[in-house]
Full PDB file with SEQRES, HELIX, SHEET, SSBOND, CRYST1, ORIGX, SCALE, CONECT and MASTER records, all heavy atoms in Angstrom:
SEQRES   1 A   42  PRO LEU LEU LEU PHE GLN VAL THR ARG LEU ARG CYS GLY          
SEQRES   2 A   42  GLY PHE VAL LEU ALA LEU ARG LEU ASN HIS THR MET SER          
SEQRES   3 A   42  ASP SER PHE GLY LEU LEU GLN PHE LEU ASN ALA VAL SER          
SEQRES   4 A   42  GLU ILE ALA                                                  
HELIX    1 AA1 SER A   28  ILE A   41  1                                  14    
SHEET    1 AA1 2 LEU A   3  ARG A   9  0                                        
SHEET    2 AA1 2 PHE A  15  LEU A  21 -1                                        
CRYST1    1.000    1.000    1.000  90.00  90.00  90.00 P 1           1          
ORIGX1      1.000000  0.000000  0.000000        0.00000                         
ORIGX2      0.000000  1.000000  0.000000        0.00000                         
ORIGX3      0.000000  0.000000  1.000000        0.00000                         
SCALE1      1.000000  0.000000  0.000000        0.00000                         
SCALE2      0.000000  1.000000  0.000000        0.00000                         
SCALE3      0.000000  0.000000  1.000000        0.00000                         
ATOM      1  N   PRO A   1     -13.049 -17.492  -1.508  1.00  0.00           N  
ATOM      2  CA  PRO A   1     -12.538 -16.130  -1.238  1.00  0.00           C  
ATOM      3  C   PRO A   1     -12.964 -15.157  -2.243  1.00  0.00           C  
ATOM      4  O   PRO A   1     -13.016 -15.461  -3.468  1.00  0.00           O  
ATOM      5  CB  PRO A   1     -11.074 -16.422  -1.192  1.00  0.00           C  
ATOM      6  CG  PRO A   1     -10.919 -17.801  -0.809  1.00  0.00           C  
ATOM      7  CD  PRO A   1     -12.053 -18.490  -1.442  1.00  0.00           C  
ATOM      8  N   LEU A   2     -13.290 -13.986  -1.810  1.00  0.00           N  
ATOM      9  CA  LEU A   2     -13.818 -12.958  -2.751  1.00  0.00           C  
ATOM     10  C   LEU A   2     -12.704 -12.192  -3.414  1.00  0.00           C  
ATOM     11  O   LEU A   2     -12.959 -11.495  -4.460  1.00  0.00           O  
ATOM     12  CB  LEU A   2     -14.657 -12.002  -1.993  1.00  0.00           C  
ATOM     13  CG  LEU A   2     -15.930 -12.676  -1.417  1.00  0.00           C  
ATOM     14  CD1 LEU A   2     -16.705 -11.697  -0.453  1.00  0.00           C  
ATOM     15  CD2 LEU A   2     -16.865 -13.214  -2.401  1.00  0.00           C  
ATOM     16  N   LEU A   3     -11.485 -12.301  -2.843  1.00  0.00           N  
ATOM     17  CA  LEU A   3     -10.261 -11.699  -3.528  1.00  0.00           C  
ATOM     18  C   LEU A   3      -9.108 -12.630  -3.456  1.00  0.00           C  
ATOM     19  O   LEU A   3      -8.989 -13.380  -2.474  1.00  0.00           O  
ATOM     20  CB  LEU A   3      -9.933 -10.353  -2.845  1.00  0.00           C  
ATOM     21  CG  LEU A   3     -10.743  -9.100  -3.132  1.00  0.00           C  
ATOM     22  CD1 LEU A   3     -10.531  -8.069  -2.040  1.00  0.00           C  
ATOM     23  CD2 LEU A   3     -10.397  -8.554  -4.466  1.00  0.00           C  
ATOM     24  N   LEU A   4      -8.301 -12.598  -4.483  1.00  0.00           N  
ATOM     25  CA  LEU A   4      -6.991 -13.325  -4.558  1.00  0.00           C  
ATOM     26  C   LEU A   4      -5.927 -12.300  -4.927  1.00  0.00           C  
ATOM     27  O   LEU A   4      -6.077 -11.679  -5.974  1.00  0.00           O  
ATOM     28  CB  LEU A   4      -7.096 -14.504  -5.576  1.00  0.00           C  
ATOM     29  CG  LEU A   4      -5.812 -15.149  -5.960  1.00  0.00           C  
ATOM     30  CD1 LEU A   4      -5.157 -15.809  -4.851  1.00  0.00           C  
ATOM     31  CD2 LEU A   4      -6.030 -16.107  -7.097  1.00  0.00           C  
ATOM     32  N   PHE A   5      -4.861 -12.279  -4.113  1.00  0.00           N  
ATOM     33  CA  PHE A   5      -3.691 -11.406  -4.394  1.00  0.00           C  
ATOM     34  C   PHE A   5      -2.443 -12.232  -4.653  1.00  0.00           C  
ATOM     35  O   PHE A   5      -2.292 -13.186  -3.947  1.00  0.00           O  
ATOM     36  CB  PHE A   5      -3.488 -10.471  -3.209  1.00  0.00           C  
ATOM     37  CG  PHE A   5      -4.428  -9.341  -3.075  1.00  0.00           C  
ATOM     38  CD1 PHE A   5      -5.668  -9.510  -2.512  1.00  0.00           C  
ATOM     39  CD2 PHE A   5      -4.118  -8.036  -3.470  1.00  0.00           C  
ATOM     40  CE1 PHE A   5      -6.517  -8.512  -2.301  1.00  0.00           C  
ATOM     41  CE2 PHE A   5      -5.026  -6.988  -3.303  1.00  0.00           C  
ATOM     42  CZ  PHE A   5      -6.236  -7.199  -2.750  1.00  0.00           C  
ATOM     43  N   GLN A   6      -1.676 -11.788  -5.519  1.00  0.00           N  
ATOM     44  CA  GLN A   6      -0.284 -12.346  -5.706  1.00  0.00           C  
ATOM     45  C   GLN A   6       0.684 -11.224  -5.890  1.00  0.00           C  
ATOM     46  O   GLN A   6       0.524 -10.432  -6.771  1.00  0.00           O  
ATOM     47  CB  GLN A   6      -0.187 -13.302  -6.853  1.00  0.00           C  
ATOM     48  CG  GLN A   6       1.212 -13.946  -6.975  1.00  0.00           C  
ATOM     49  CD  GLN A   6       1.329 -15.121  -7.981  1.00  0.00           C  
ATOM     50  OE1 GLN A   6       0.387 -15.888  -8.070  1.00  0.00           O  
ATOM     51  NE2 GLN A   6       2.435 -15.097  -8.677  1.00  0.00           N  
ATOM     52  N   VAL A   7       1.679 -11.151  -5.044  1.00  0.00           N  
ATOM     53  CA  VAL A   7       2.815 -10.149  -5.234  1.00  0.00           C  
ATOM     54  C   VAL A   7       4.001 -10.860  -5.741  1.00  0.00           C  
ATOM     55  O   VAL A   7       4.488 -11.784  -5.039  1.00  0.00           O  
ATOM     56  CB  VAL A   7       3.057  -9.411  -3.921  1.00  0.00           C  
ATOM     57  CG1 VAL A   7       4.304  -8.489  -4.160  1.00  0.00           C  
ATOM     58  CG2 VAL A   7       1.884  -8.579  -3.501  1.00  0.00           C  
ATOM     59  N   THR A   8       4.473 -10.519  -6.902  1.00  0.00           N  
ATOM     60  CA  THR A   8       5.662 -11.260  -7.494  1.00  0.00           C  
ATOM     61  C   THR A   8       6.866 -10.209  -7.557  1.00  0.00           C  
ATOM     62  O   THR A   8       6.792  -9.262  -8.352  1.00  0.00           O  
ATOM     63  CB  THR A   8       5.271 -11.736  -8.919  1.00  0.00           C  
ATOM     64  OG1 THR A   8       4.189 -12.587  -8.806  1.00  0.00           O  
ATOM     65  CG2 THR A   8       6.457 -12.538  -9.484  1.00  0.00           C  
ATOM     66  N   ARG A   9       7.940 -10.566  -6.901  1.00  0.00           N  
ATOM     67  CA  ARG A   9       9.124  -9.670  -6.971  1.00  0.00           C  
ATOM     68  C   ARG A   9       9.918  -9.999  -8.213  1.00  0.00           C  
ATOM     69  O   ARG A   9      10.030 -11.205  -8.635  1.00  0.00           O  
ATOM     70  CB  ARG A   9      10.018  -9.954  -5.647  1.00  0.00           C  
ATOM     71  CG  ARG A   9       9.283  -9.488  -4.398  1.00  0.00           C  
ATOM     72  CD  ARG A   9      10.064  -9.953  -3.181  1.00  0.00           C  
ATOM     73  NE  ARG A   9       9.908 -11.427  -2.931  1.00  0.00           N  
ATOM     74  CZ  ARG A   9       9.165 -11.964  -2.040  1.00  0.00           C  
ATOM     75  NH1 ARG A   9       8.398 -11.168  -1.249  1.00  0.00           N  
ATOM     76  NH2 ARG A   9       9.117 -13.306  -1.908  1.00  0.00           N  
ATOM     77  N   LEU A  10      10.504  -9.013  -8.820  1.00  0.00           N  
ATOM     78  CA  LEU A  10      11.266  -9.160 -10.041  1.00  0.00           C  
ATOM     79  C   LEU A  10      12.765  -8.984  -9.842  1.00  0.00           C  
ATOM     80  O   LEU A  10      13.090  -8.268  -8.855  1.00  0.00           O  
ATOM     81  CB  LEU A  10      10.762  -8.205 -11.091  1.00  0.00           C  
ATOM     82  CG  LEU A  10       9.185  -8.198 -11.360  1.00  0.00           C  
ATOM     83  CD1 LEU A  10       8.883  -7.041 -12.375  1.00  0.00           C  
ATOM     84  CD2 LEU A  10       8.778  -9.535 -11.862  1.00  0.00           C  
ATOM     85  N   ARG A  11      13.588  -9.453 -10.643  1.00  0.00           N  
ATOM     86  CA  ARG A  11      15.097  -9.378 -10.510  1.00  0.00           C  
ATOM     87  C   ARG A  11      15.536  -7.930 -10.508  1.00  0.00           C  
ATOM     88  O   ARG A  11      16.557  -7.552  -9.999  1.00  0.00           O  
ATOM     89  CB  ARG A  11      15.767 -10.145 -11.579  1.00  0.00           C  
ATOM     90  CG  ARG A  11      15.786 -11.646 -11.359  1.00  0.00           C  
ATOM     91  CD  ARG A  11      16.847 -12.369 -12.176  1.00  0.00           C  
ATOM     92  NE  ARG A  11      16.511 -12.303 -13.613  1.00  0.00           N  
ATOM     93  CZ  ARG A  11      17.211 -11.666 -14.560  1.00  0.00           C  
ATOM     94  NH1 ARG A  11      18.275 -10.914 -14.201  1.00  0.00           N  
ATOM     95  NH2 ARG A  11      16.894 -11.698 -15.790  1.00  0.00           N  
ATOM     96  N   CYS A  12      14.742  -6.941 -11.217  1.00  0.00           N  
ATOM     97  CA  CYS A  12      15.149  -5.642 -11.329  1.00  0.00           C  
ATOM     98  C   CYS A  12      14.912  -4.767 -10.115  1.00  0.00           C  
ATOM     99  O   CYS A  12      15.195  -3.540 -10.072  1.00  0.00           O  
ATOM    100  CB  CYS A  12      14.513  -5.010 -12.527  1.00  0.00           C  
ATOM    101  SG  CYS A  12      12.707  -5.045 -12.474  1.00  0.00           S  
ATOM    102  N   GLY A  13      14.149  -5.398  -9.154  1.00  0.00           N  
ATOM    103  CA  GLY A  13      13.751  -4.691  -7.929  1.00  0.00           C  
ATOM    104  C   GLY A  13      12.343  -4.142  -7.941  1.00  0.00           C  
ATOM    105  O   GLY A  13      11.876  -3.692  -6.954  1.00  0.00           O  
ATOM    106  N   GLY A  14      11.746  -4.247  -9.128  1.00  0.00           N  
ATOM    107  CA  GLY A  14      10.355  -3.951  -9.221  1.00  0.00           C  
ATOM    108  C   GLY A  14       9.498  -5.175  -8.780  1.00  0.00           C  
ATOM    109  O   GLY A  14      10.049  -6.158  -8.337  1.00  0.00           O  
ATOM    110  N   PHE A  15       8.222  -5.050  -9.001  1.00  0.00           N  
ATOM    111  CA  PHE A  15       7.276  -6.228  -8.580  1.00  0.00           C  
ATOM    112  C   PHE A  15       6.036  -6.060  -9.319  1.00  0.00           C  
ATOM    113  O   PHE A  15       5.663  -4.948  -9.907  1.00  0.00           O  
ATOM    114  CB  PHE A  15       6.985  -6.195  -7.132  1.00  0.00           C  
ATOM    115  CG  PHE A  15       6.249  -5.107  -6.506  1.00  0.00           C  
ATOM    116  CD1 PHE A  15       4.829  -5.100  -6.297  1.00  0.00           C  
ATOM    117  CD2 PHE A  15       6.872  -3.842  -6.167  1.00  0.00           C  
ATOM    118  CE1 PHE A  15       4.011  -4.067  -5.808  1.00  0.00           C  
ATOM    119  CE2 PHE A  15       6.119  -2.769  -5.635  1.00  0.00           C  
ATOM    120  CZ  PHE A  15       4.724  -2.915  -5.496  1.00  0.00           C  
ATOM    121  N   VAL A  16       5.207  -7.153  -9.291  1.00  0.00           N  
ATOM    122  CA  VAL A  16       3.954  -7.168 -10.028  1.00  0.00           C  
ATOM    123  C   VAL A  16       2.894  -7.449  -8.918  1.00  0.00           C  
ATOM    124  O   VAL A  16       3.049  -8.460  -8.167  1.00  0.00           O  
ATOM    125  CB  VAL A  16       3.921  -8.295 -11.080  1.00  0.00           C  
ATOM    126  CG1 VAL A  16       2.531  -8.224 -11.777  1.00  0.00           C  
ATOM    127  CG2 VAL A  16       4.999  -8.023 -12.114  1.00  0.00           C  
ATOM    128  N   LEU A  17       1.903  -6.688  -8.858  1.00  0.00           N  
ATOM    129  CA  LEU A  17       0.743  -7.027  -8.007  1.00  0.00           C  
ATOM    130  C   LEU A  17      -0.464  -7.497  -8.984  1.00  0.00           C  
ATOM    131  O   LEU A  17      -0.941  -6.698  -9.801  1.00  0.00           O  
ATOM    132  CB  LEU A  17       0.214  -5.832  -7.191  1.00  0.00           C  
ATOM    133  CG  LEU A  17      -1.111  -6.074  -6.472  1.00  0.00           C  
ATOM    134  CD1 LEU A  17      -1.090  -7.193  -5.460  1.00  0.00           C  
ATOM    135  CD2 LEU A  17      -1.574  -4.735  -5.828  1.00  0.00           C  
ATOM    136  N   ALA A  18      -0.786  -8.709  -8.847  1.00  0.00           N  
ATOM    137  CA  ALA A  18      -1.975  -9.231  -9.648  1.00  0.00           C  
ATOM    138  C   ALA A  18      -3.023  -9.665  -8.668  1.00  0.00           C  
ATOM    139  O   ALA A  18      -2.832 -10.129  -7.595  1.00  0.00           O  
ATOM    140  CB  ALA A  18      -1.539 -10.386 -10.509  1.00  0.00           C  
ATOM    141  N   LEU A  19      -4.333  -9.478  -9.055  1.00  0.00           N  
ATOM    142  CA  LEU A  19      -5.364  -9.820  -8.157  1.00  0.00           C  
ATOM    143  C   LEU A  19      -6.547 -10.260  -9.029  1.00  0.00           C  
ATOM    144  O   LEU A  19      -6.665  -9.961 -10.186  1.00  0.00           O  
ATOM    145  CB  LEU A  19      -5.728  -8.702  -7.247  1.00  0.00           C  
ATOM    146  CG  LEU A  19      -6.276  -7.373  -7.822  1.00  0.00           C  
ATOM    147  CD1 LEU A  19      -7.803  -7.359  -7.765  1.00  0.00           C  
ATOM    148  CD2 LEU A  19      -5.651  -6.164  -7.079  1.00  0.00           C  
ATOM    149  N   ARG A  20      -7.465 -10.900  -8.306  1.00  0.00           N  
ATOM    150  CA  ARG A  20      -8.732 -11.413  -8.918  1.00  0.00           C  
ATOM    151  C   ARG A  20      -9.893 -11.087  -7.963  1.00  0.00           C  
ATOM    152  O   ARG A  20      -9.866 -11.338  -6.748  1.00  0.00           O  
ATOM    153  CB  ARG A  20      -8.682 -12.980  -9.095  1.00  0.00           C  
ATOM    154  CG  ARG A  20      -9.688 -13.501  -9.954  1.00  0.00           C  
ATOM    155  CD  ARG A  20      -9.494 -15.022 -10.078  1.00  0.00           C  
ATOM    156  NE  ARG A  20      -9.754 -15.722  -8.720  1.00  0.00           N  
ATOM    157  CZ  ARG A  20      -9.391 -16.892  -8.540  1.00  0.00           C  
ATOM    158  NH1 ARG A  20      -8.780 -17.697  -9.501  1.00  0.00           N  
ATOM    159  NH2 ARG A  20      -9.733 -17.498  -7.336  1.00  0.00           N  
ATOM    160  N   LEU A  21     -10.965 -10.431  -8.560  1.00  0.00           N  
ATOM    161  CA  LEU A  21     -12.087  -9.924  -7.782  1.00  0.00           C  
ATOM    162  C   LEU A  21     -13.283 -10.730  -8.195  1.00  0.00           C  
ATOM    163  O   LEU A  21     -13.660 -10.820  -9.451  1.00  0.00           O  
ATOM    164  CB  LEU A  21     -12.261  -8.441  -7.983  1.00  0.00           C  
ATOM    165  CG  LEU A  21     -13.600  -7.838  -7.629  1.00  0.00           C  
ATOM    166  CD1 LEU A  21     -13.600  -7.784  -6.013  1.00  0.00           C  
ATOM    167  CD2 LEU A  21     -13.811  -6.467  -8.189  1.00  0.00           C  
ATOM    168  N   ASN A  22     -14.123 -11.202  -7.267  1.00  0.00           N  
ATOM    169  CA  ASN A  22     -15.420 -11.642  -7.577  1.00  0.00           C  
ATOM    170  C   ASN A  22     -16.281 -10.368  -7.882  1.00  0.00           C  
ATOM    171  O   ASN A  22     -16.554  -9.564  -7.070  1.00  0.00           O  
ATOM    172  CB  ASN A  22     -16.066 -12.313  -6.296  1.00  0.00           C  
ATOM    173  CG  ASN A  22     -17.379 -12.915  -6.596  1.00  0.00           C  
ATOM    174  OD1 ASN A  22     -18.264 -12.354  -7.241  1.00  0.00           O  
ATOM    175  ND2 ASN A  22     -17.660 -14.101  -5.929  1.00  0.00           N  
ATOM    176  N   HIS A  23     -16.690 -10.331  -9.151  1.00  0.00           N  
ATOM    177  CA  HIS A  23     -17.295  -9.025  -9.676  1.00  0.00           C  
ATOM    178  C   HIS A  23     -18.575  -8.765  -9.011  1.00  0.00           C  
ATOM    179  O   HIS A  23     -18.977  -7.474  -9.024  1.00  0.00           O  
ATOM    180  CB  HIS A  23     -17.510  -9.211 -11.273  1.00  0.00           C  
ATOM    181  CG  HIS A  23     -17.486  -7.830 -11.949  1.00  0.00           C  
ATOM    182  ND1 HIS A  23     -17.889  -6.638 -11.331  1.00  0.00           N  
ATOM    183  CD2 HIS A  23     -17.253  -7.527 -13.301  1.00  0.00           C  
ATOM    184  CE1 HIS A  23     -17.829  -5.695 -12.342  1.00  0.00           C  
ATOM    185  NE2 HIS A  23     -17.509  -6.170 -13.356  1.00  0.00           N  
ATOM    186  N   THR A  24     -19.262  -9.603  -8.457  1.00  0.00           N  
ATOM    187  CA  THR A  24     -20.540  -9.320  -7.791  1.00  0.00           C  
ATOM    188  C   THR A  24     -20.381  -8.308  -6.652  1.00  0.00           C  
ATOM    189  O   THR A  24     -21.190  -7.572  -6.214  1.00  0.00           O  
ATOM    190  CB  THR A  24     -21.285 -10.567  -7.288  1.00  0.00           C  
ATOM    191  OG1 THR A  24     -20.444 -11.203  -6.308  1.00  0.00           O  
ATOM    192  CG2 THR A  24     -21.539 -11.520  -8.411  1.00  0.00           C  
ATOM    193  N   MET A  25     -19.115  -8.284  -6.076  1.00  0.00           N  
ATOM    194  CA  MET A  25     -18.846  -7.407  -4.878  1.00  0.00           C  
ATOM    195  C   MET A  25     -18.602  -5.987  -5.295  1.00  0.00           C  
ATOM    196  O   MET A  25     -19.066  -5.082  -4.459  1.00  0.00           O  
ATOM    197  CB  MET A  25     -17.633  -7.932  -4.173  1.00  0.00           C  
ATOM    198  CG  MET A  25     -17.838  -9.198  -3.467  1.00  0.00           C  
ATOM    199  SD  MET A  25     -18.955  -9.034  -2.030  1.00  0.00           S  
ATOM    200  CE  MET A  25     -18.012  -8.069  -0.922  1.00  0.00           C  
ATOM    201  N   SER A  26     -17.988  -5.686  -6.352  1.00  0.00           N  
ATOM    202  CA  SER A  26     -17.639  -4.304  -6.647  1.00  0.00           C  
ATOM    203  C   SER A  26     -17.424  -4.137  -8.159  1.00  0.00           C  
ATOM    204  O   SER A  26     -17.119  -5.095  -8.902  1.00  0.00           O  
ATOM    205  CB  SER A  26     -16.315  -3.884  -5.959  1.00  0.00           C  
ATOM    206  OG  SER A  26     -16.418  -3.899  -4.587  1.00  0.00           O  
ATOM    207  N   ASP A  27     -17.500  -2.951  -8.762  1.00  0.00           N  
ATOM    208  CA  ASP A  27     -17.087  -2.542  -9.983  1.00  0.00           C  
ATOM    209  C   ASP A  27     -15.714  -2.004  -9.988  1.00  0.00           C  
ATOM    210  O   ASP A  27     -15.017  -1.994  -8.879  1.00  0.00           O  
ATOM    211  CB  ASP A  27     -18.089  -1.654 -10.674  1.00  0.00           C  
ATOM    212  CG  ASP A  27     -18.243  -0.337  -9.952  1.00  0.00           C  
ATOM    213  OD1 ASP A  27     -17.476  -0.037  -8.974  1.00  0.00           O  
ATOM    214  OD2 ASP A  27     -19.226   0.397 -10.248  1.00  0.00           O  
ATOM    215  N   SER A  28     -15.148  -1.457 -10.998  1.00  0.00           N  
ATOM    216  CA  SER A  28     -13.827  -0.864 -11.093  1.00  0.00           C  
ATOM    217  C   SER A  28     -13.595   0.166 -10.071  1.00  0.00           C  
ATOM    218  O   SER A  28     -12.579   0.305  -9.349  1.00  0.00           O  
ATOM    219  CB  SER A  28     -13.470  -0.399 -12.522  1.00  0.00           C  
ATOM    220  OG  SER A  28     -13.440  -1.473 -13.419  1.00  0.00           O  
ATOM    221  N   PHE A  29     -14.585   1.116 -10.024  1.00  0.00           N  
ATOM    222  CA  PHE A  29     -14.416   2.228  -9.020  1.00  0.00           C  
ATOM    223  C   PHE A  29     -14.456   1.711  -7.571  1.00  0.00           C  
ATOM    224  O   PHE A  29     -13.786   2.216  -6.709  1.00  0.00           O  
ATOM    225  CB  PHE A  29     -15.545   3.334  -9.292  1.00  0.00           C  
ATOM    226  CG  PHE A  29     -15.423   4.032 -10.504  1.00  0.00           C  
ATOM    227  CD1 PHE A  29     -15.982   3.709 -11.656  1.00  0.00           C  
ATOM    228  CD2 PHE A  29     -14.504   5.165 -10.534  1.00  0.00           C  
ATOM    229  CE1 PHE A  29     -15.904   4.444 -12.859  1.00  0.00           C  
ATOM    230  CE2 PHE A  29     -14.371   5.880 -11.718  1.00  0.00           C  
ATOM    231  CZ  PHE A  29     -15.050   5.541 -12.833  1.00  0.00           C  
ATOM    232  N   GLY A  30     -15.336   0.748  -7.302  1.00  0.00           N  
ATOM    233  CA  GLY A  30     -15.364   0.188  -5.970  1.00  0.00           C  
ATOM    234  C   GLY A  30     -14.095  -0.476  -5.574  1.00  0.00           C  
ATOM    235  O   GLY A  30     -13.609  -0.364  -4.457  1.00  0.00           O  
ATOM    236  N   LEU A  31     -13.549  -1.264  -6.524  1.00  0.00           N  
ATOM    237  CA  LEU A  31     -12.239  -1.947  -6.241  1.00  0.00           C  
ATOM    238  C   LEU A  31     -11.150  -0.914  -6.031  1.00  0.00           C  
ATOM    239  O   LEU A  31     -10.295  -1.077  -5.176  1.00  0.00           O  
ATOM    240  CB  LEU A  31     -11.897  -2.876  -7.390  1.00  0.00           C  
ATOM    241  CG  LEU A  31     -10.534  -3.511  -7.312  1.00  0.00           C  
ATOM    242  CD1 LEU A  31     -10.386  -4.425  -6.127  1.00  0.00           C  
ATOM    243  CD2 LEU A  31     -10.215  -4.335  -8.591  1.00  0.00           C  
ATOM    244  N   LEU A  32     -11.155   0.111  -6.867  1.00  0.00           N  
ATOM    245  CA  LEU A  32     -10.112   1.184  -6.748  1.00  0.00           C  
ATOM    246  C   LEU A  32     -10.181   1.839  -5.427  1.00  0.00           C  
ATOM    247  O   LEU A  32      -9.103   2.123  -4.801  1.00  0.00           O  
ATOM    248  CB  LEU A  32     -10.300   2.201  -7.782  1.00  0.00           C  
ATOM    249  CG  LEU A  32      -9.341   3.431  -7.730  1.00  0.00           C  
ATOM    250  CD1 LEU A  32      -7.949   2.989  -8.129  1.00  0.00           C  
ATOM    251  CD2 LEU A  32      -9.773   4.610  -8.593  1.00  0.00           C  
ATOM    252  N   GLN A  33     -11.386   2.004  -4.871  1.00  0.00           N  
ATOM    253  CA  GLN A  33     -11.586   2.654  -3.569  1.00  0.00           C  
ATOM    254  C   GLN A  33     -10.899   1.721  -2.517  1.00  0.00           C  
ATOM    255  O   GLN A  33     -10.226   2.234  -1.593  1.00  0.00           O  
ATOM    256  CB  GLN A  33     -13.050   2.807  -3.200  1.00  0.00           C  
ATOM    257  CG  GLN A  33     -13.357   3.500  -1.896  1.00  0.00           C  
ATOM    258  CD  GLN A  33     -14.861   3.616  -1.678  1.00  0.00           C  
ATOM    259  OE1 GLN A  33     -15.596   4.217  -2.516  1.00  0.00           O  
ATOM    260  NE2 GLN A  33     -15.343   3.104  -0.587  1.00  0.00           N  
ATOM    261  N   PHE A  34     -11.104   0.543  -2.584  1.00  0.00           N  
ATOM    262  CA  PHE A  34     -10.443  -0.473  -1.656  1.00  0.00           C  
ATOM    263  C   PHE A  34      -8.957  -0.395  -1.796  1.00  0.00           C  
ATOM    264  O   PHE A  34      -8.217  -0.447  -0.823  1.00  0.00           O  
ATOM    265  CB  PHE A  34     -11.062  -1.832  -1.897  1.00  0.00           C  
ATOM    266  CG  PHE A  34     -10.397  -2.945  -0.957  1.00  0.00           C  
ATOM    267  CD1 PHE A  34     -10.424  -2.857   0.304  1.00  0.00           C  
ATOM    268  CD2 PHE A  34      -9.712  -3.932  -1.734  1.00  0.00           C  
ATOM    269  CE1 PHE A  34      -9.765  -3.877   1.106  1.00  0.00           C  
ATOM    270  CE2 PHE A  34      -9.053  -4.971  -0.905  1.00  0.00           C  
ATOM    271  CZ  PHE A  34      -9.167  -4.885   0.485  1.00  0.00           C  
ATOM    272  N   LEU A  35      -8.447  -0.474  -3.051  1.00  0.00           N  
ATOM    273  CA  LEU A  35      -7.018  -0.514  -3.280  1.00  0.00           C  
ATOM    274  C   LEU A  35      -6.349   0.852  -2.741  1.00  0.00           C  
ATOM    275  O   LEU A  35      -5.247   0.760  -2.223  1.00  0.00           O  
ATOM    276  CB  LEU A  35      -6.691  -0.799  -4.717  1.00  0.00           C  
ATOM    277  CG  LEU A  35      -7.038  -2.141  -5.293  1.00  0.00           C  
ATOM    278  CD1 LEU A  35      -6.811  -2.229  -6.725  1.00  0.00           C  
ATOM    279  CD2 LEU A  35      -6.277  -3.262  -4.534  1.00  0.00           C  
ATOM    280  N   ASN A  36      -7.052   1.889  -2.848  1.00  0.00           N  
ATOM    281  CA  ASN A  36      -6.509   3.161  -2.447  1.00  0.00           C  
ATOM    282  C   ASN A  36      -6.465   3.119  -0.859  1.00  0.00           C  
ATOM    283  O   ASN A  36      -5.542   3.685  -0.286  1.00  0.00           O  
ATOM    284  CB  ASN A  36      -7.432   4.312  -2.865  1.00  0.00           C  
ATOM    285  CG  ASN A  36      -7.161   4.708  -4.291  1.00  0.00           C  
ATOM    286  OD1 ASN A  36      -6.003   4.520  -4.779  1.00  0.00           O  
ATOM    287  ND2 ASN A  36      -8.096   5.414  -4.872  1.00  0.00           N  
ATOM    288  N   ALA A  37      -7.466   2.480  -0.235  1.00  0.00           N  
ATOM    289  CA  ALA A  37      -7.406   2.282   1.177  1.00  0.00           C  
ATOM    290  C   ALA A  37      -6.137   1.485   1.608  1.00  0.00           C  
ATOM    291  O   ALA A  37      -5.398   1.812   2.611  1.00  0.00           O  
ATOM    292  CB  ALA A  37      -8.619   1.657   1.741  1.00  0.00           C  
ATOM    293  N   VAL A  38      -5.899   0.337   0.864  1.00  0.00           N  
ATOM    294  CA  VAL A  38      -4.708  -0.478   1.135  1.00  0.00           C  
ATOM    295  C   VAL A  38      -3.443   0.355   0.935  1.00  0.00           C  
ATOM    296  O   VAL A  38      -2.461   0.297   1.760  1.00  0.00           O  
ATOM    297  CB  VAL A  38      -4.664  -1.724   0.198  1.00  0.00           C  
ATOM    298  CG1 VAL A  38      -3.437  -2.510   0.476  1.00  0.00           C  
ATOM    299  CG2 VAL A  38      -5.905  -2.563   0.566  1.00  0.00           C  
ATOM    300  N   SER A  39      -3.360   1.156  -0.130  1.00  0.00           N  
ATOM    301  CA  SER A  39      -2.189   1.890  -0.438  1.00  0.00           C  
ATOM    302  C   SER A  39      -1.981   2.992   0.558  1.00  0.00           C  
ATOM    303  O   SER A  39      -0.747   3.300   0.949  1.00  0.00           O  
ATOM    304  CB  SER A  39      -2.201   2.477  -1.888  1.00  0.00           C  
ATOM    305  OG  SER A  39      -3.208   3.466  -1.935  1.00  0.00           O  
ATOM    306  N   GLU A  40      -2.974   3.617   1.011  1.00  0.00           N  
ATOM    307  CA  GLU A  40      -2.840   4.700   2.093  1.00  0.00           C  
ATOM    308  C   GLU A  40      -2.277   4.107   3.355  1.00  0.00           C  
ATOM    309  O   GLU A  40      -1.367   4.681   4.006  1.00  0.00           O  
ATOM    310  CB  GLU A  40      -4.159   5.366   2.271  1.00  0.00           C  
ATOM    311  CG  GLU A  40      -4.601   6.240   1.139  1.00  0.00           C  
ATOM    312  CD  GLU A  40      -5.986   6.732   1.244  1.00  0.00           C  
ATOM    313  OE1 GLU A  40      -6.744   6.389   2.225  1.00  0.00           O  
ATOM    314  OE2 GLU A  40      -6.467   7.491   0.420  1.00  0.00           O  
ATOM    315  N   ILE A  41      -2.822   2.971   3.750  1.00  0.00           N  
ATOM    316  CA  ILE A  41      -2.354   2.354   4.950  1.00  0.00           C  
ATOM    317  C   ILE A  41      -0.941   1.818   4.829  1.00  0.00           C  
ATOM    318  O   ILE A  41      -0.067   1.899   5.765  1.00  0.00           O  
ATOM    319  CB  ILE A  41      -3.352   1.170   5.327  1.00  0.00           C  
ATOM    320  CG1 ILE A  41      -4.665   1.738   5.803  1.00  0.00           C  
ATOM    321  CG2 ILE A  41      -2.741   0.320   6.476  1.00  0.00           C  
ATOM    322  CD1 ILE A  41      -5.753   0.737   6.048  1.00  0.00           C  
ATOM    323  N   ALA A  42      -0.600   1.347   3.606  1.00  0.00           N  
ATOM    324  CA  ALA A  42       0.748   0.880   3.323  1.00  0.00           C  
ATOM    325  C   ALA A  42       1.832   2.072   3.531  1.00  0.00           C  
ATOM    326  O   ALA A  42       2.941   1.798   3.839  1.00  0.00           O  
ATOM    327  CB  ALA A  42       0.907   0.341   1.911  1.00  0.00           C  
TER     328      ALA A  42                                                      
MASTER        0    0    0    1    2    0    0    6  327    1    0    4          
END                                                                             
C-alpha cells in the first residue's frame, strides 16, 4: 500500500491522525494537496 492511515481518538475528545507515505509518489506539497481534498470532502 502506498499510504497508511491511523486515526487515534483521545480521552479529551481530540484525536491524532498519523500517516505514512511512499515518498516516490509525492512530496510534501503533493501530499498536502491530497489531504486538502480529503478534508474538503469531509
